[in-house]
N, C-alpha and C. Protein backbone atom coordinates (compact mmCIF):
# COMPACT_ATOMS: atom_id res chain seq x y z
N UNK A 1 0.86 -1.21 -0.04
CA UNK A 1 0.05 0.01 -0.07
C UNK A 1 0.74 1.34 -0.07
N UNK A 2 1.96 1.05 0.90
CA UNK A 2 2.85 2.38 0.84
C UNK A 2 3.58 2.62 -0.36
N UNK A 3 3.87 1.43 -0.92
CA UNK A 3 4.65 1.57 -2.38
C UNK A 3 3.71 2.14 -3.51
N UNK A 4 2.51 1.82 -3.42
CA UNK A 4 1.41 2.45 -4.31
C UNK A 4 1.29 3.84 -4.24
N UNK A 5 1.15 4.29 -2.91
CA UNK A 5 1.01 5.82 -2.53
C UNK A 5 2.32 6.44 -3.00
N UNK A 6 3.70 5.90 -2.71
CA UNK A 6 4.80 6.51 -3.20
C UNK A 6 4.77 6.51 -4.74
N UNK A 7 4.31 5.52 -5.60
CA UNK A 7 4.29 5.57 -7.01
C UNK A 7 3.06 6.43 -7.44
N UNK A 8 2.11 6.56 -6.96
CA UNK A 8 0.97 7.58 -7.26
C UNK A 8 1.53 9.03 -7.13
N UNK A 9 2.28 9.31 -5.88
CA UNK A 9 2.66 10.76 -5.45
C UNK A 9 3.78 11.24 -6.70
N UNK A 10 4.69 10.01 -7.14
CA UNK A 10 5.79 10.32 -8.01
C UNK A 10 4.98 10.76 -9.44
N UNK A 11 4.14 9.72 -9.78
CA UNK A 11 3.23 10.05 -10.99
C UNK A 11 2.73 11.52 -10.94
N UNK A 12 2.29 12.11 -9.71
CA UNK A 12 1.69 13.39 -9.51
C UNK A 12 2.86 14.53 -9.86
N UNK A 13 3.91 14.03 -8.99
CA UNK A 13 4.98 15.27 -9.05
C UNK A 13 5.87 15.02 -10.60
N UNK A 14 5.63 14.21 -11.26
CA UNK A 14 6.44 14.15 -12.71
C UNK A 14 5.90 15.32 -13.49
N UNK A 15 4.63 15.59 -13.79
CA UNK A 15 4.36 16.88 -14.53
C UNK A 15 4.79 18.00 -13.66
N UNK A 16 4.69 18.00 -12.54
CA UNK A 16 5.20 19.33 -11.66
C UNK A 16 6.56 19.67 -11.89
N UNK A 17 7.36 18.76 -11.95
CA UNK A 17 8.86 18.66 -12.41
C UNK A 17 8.92 19.25 -13.61
N UNK A 18 8.09 18.83 -14.59
CA UNK A 18 8.20 19.36 -15.94
C UNK A 18 7.84 21.01 -16.13
N UNK A 19 6.83 21.26 -15.39
CA UNK A 19 6.47 22.57 -15.01
C UNK A 19 7.56 23.62 -14.60
N UNK A 20 8.08 23.07 -13.64
CA UNK A 20 9.40 23.65 -12.76
C UNK A 20 10.36 23.80 -14.07
N UNK A 21 10.65 22.95 -14.76
CA UNK A 21 11.76 22.93 -15.78
C UNK A 21 11.52 23.99 -16.74
N UNK A 22 10.31 24.03 -17.13
CA UNK A 22 9.69 25.00 -18.28
C UNK A 22 9.87 26.37 -17.65
N UNK A 23 9.38 26.57 -16.28
CA UNK A 23 9.45 27.76 -15.68
C UNK A 23 10.69 28.43 -15.53
N UNK A 24 11.63 27.34 -15.18
CA UNK A 24 13.03 27.93 -14.93
C UNK A 24 13.66 28.65 -16.54
N UNK A 25 13.50 27.81 -17.43
CA UNK A 25 13.88 27.99 -18.91
C UNK A 25 13.05 29.44 -19.21
N UNK A 26 11.83 29.63 -18.62
CA UNK A 26 11.11 30.80 -19.26
C UNK A 26 11.79 32.01 -18.46
N UNK A 27 12.24 31.70 -17.22
CA UNK A 27 12.74 33.05 -16.19
C UNK A 27 14.03 33.16 -16.78
N UNK A 28 14.85 32.34 -17.13
CA UNK A 28 16.14 32.54 -17.77
C UNK A 28 16.05 33.41 -19.11
N UNK A 29 15.11 33.21 -19.84
CA UNK A 29 14.81 33.92 -21.15
C UNK A 29 14.46 35.12 -20.67
N UNK A 30 13.44 35.47 -19.81
CA UNK A 30 13.00 36.63 -19.20
C UNK A 30 14.12 37.62 -18.84
N UNK A 31 15.04 36.86 -18.04
CA UNK A 31 16.11 37.53 -17.19
C UNK A 31 17.12 37.94 -18.22
N UNK A 32 17.45 37.30 -19.38
CA UNK A 32 18.18 37.81 -20.34
C UNK A 32 17.42 39.09 -21.21
N UNK A 33 16.35 39.16 -21.27
CA UNK A 33 15.43 40.05 -22.07
C UNK A 33 15.38 41.18 -20.95
N UNK A 34 15.24 41.23 -19.77
CA UNK A 34 15.06 42.34 -18.92
C UNK A 34 15.90 43.30 -19.15
N UNK A 35 17.31 43.38 -19.12
CA UNK A 35 18.28 44.39 -19.29
C UNK A 35 17.94 45.18 -20.68
N UNK A 36 17.42 44.46 -21.60
CA UNK A 36 17.12 45.02 -23.09
C UNK A 36 15.88 46.09 -22.72
N UNK A 37 14.80 45.46 -22.18
CA UNK A 37 13.56 46.30 -21.65
C UNK A 37 14.09 47.42 -20.79
N UNK A 38 14.88 47.21 -19.82
CA UNK A 38 15.19 48.48 -18.96
C UNK A 38 16.03 49.41 -19.94
N UNK A 39 16.85 49.12 -21.06
CA UNK A 39 17.59 50.16 -21.67
C UNK A 39 16.45 50.80 -22.53
N UNK A 40 15.73 50.04 -23.36
CA UNK A 40 14.72 50.56 -23.97
C UNK A 40 13.72 51.73 -23.41
N UNK A 41 13.39 51.17 -22.22
CA UNK A 41 12.26 52.07 -21.47
C UNK A 41 13.25 53.33 -20.84
N UNK A 42 14.36 53.07 -20.44
CA UNK A 42 15.02 54.01 -19.90
C UNK A 42 15.50 55.14 -20.95
N UNK A 43 15.77 54.66 -22.39
CA UNK A 43 15.82 55.53 -23.35
C UNK A 43 14.63 56.46 -23.66
N UNK A 44 13.50 55.69 -23.78
CA UNK A 44 12.22 56.45 -23.98
C UNK A 44 11.92 57.29 -22.60
N UNK A 45 11.90 56.76 -21.47
CA UNK A 45 12.01 57.83 -20.42
C UNK A 45 12.86 58.94 -20.18
N UNK A 46 14.19 58.69 -20.67
CA UNK A 46 15.05 59.99 -20.58
C UNK A 46 14.66 60.83 -21.80
N UNK A 47 14.23 60.35 -22.86
CA UNK A 47 13.69 61.20 -23.95
C UNK A 47 12.44 62.03 -23.59
N UNK A 48 11.40 61.41 -22.77
CA UNK A 48 10.37 62.13 -22.35
C UNK A 48 10.82 63.14 -21.33
N UNK A 49 11.70 62.87 -20.62
CA UNK A 49 12.09 63.87 -19.39
C UNK A 49 12.96 65.07 -20.18
N UNK A 50 13.65 64.73 -21.32
CA UNK A 50 14.32 65.76 -22.05
C UNK A 50 13.43 66.73 -22.69
N UNK A 51 12.12 66.26 -23.22
CA UNK A 51 11.23 66.98 -23.64
C UNK A 51 10.61 67.77 -22.60
């Protein structure tokens, strides 16, 4: 019975692990894009302030 519970919980955790992997990949991509967004917004904001 315990073995069955472990197997069942492992089956439940497997998709969760996949979601975590996808999230980490997305976070890394976002993290690499963030500086670019900051630069773009900084330039726009600086431009607006100058005006």
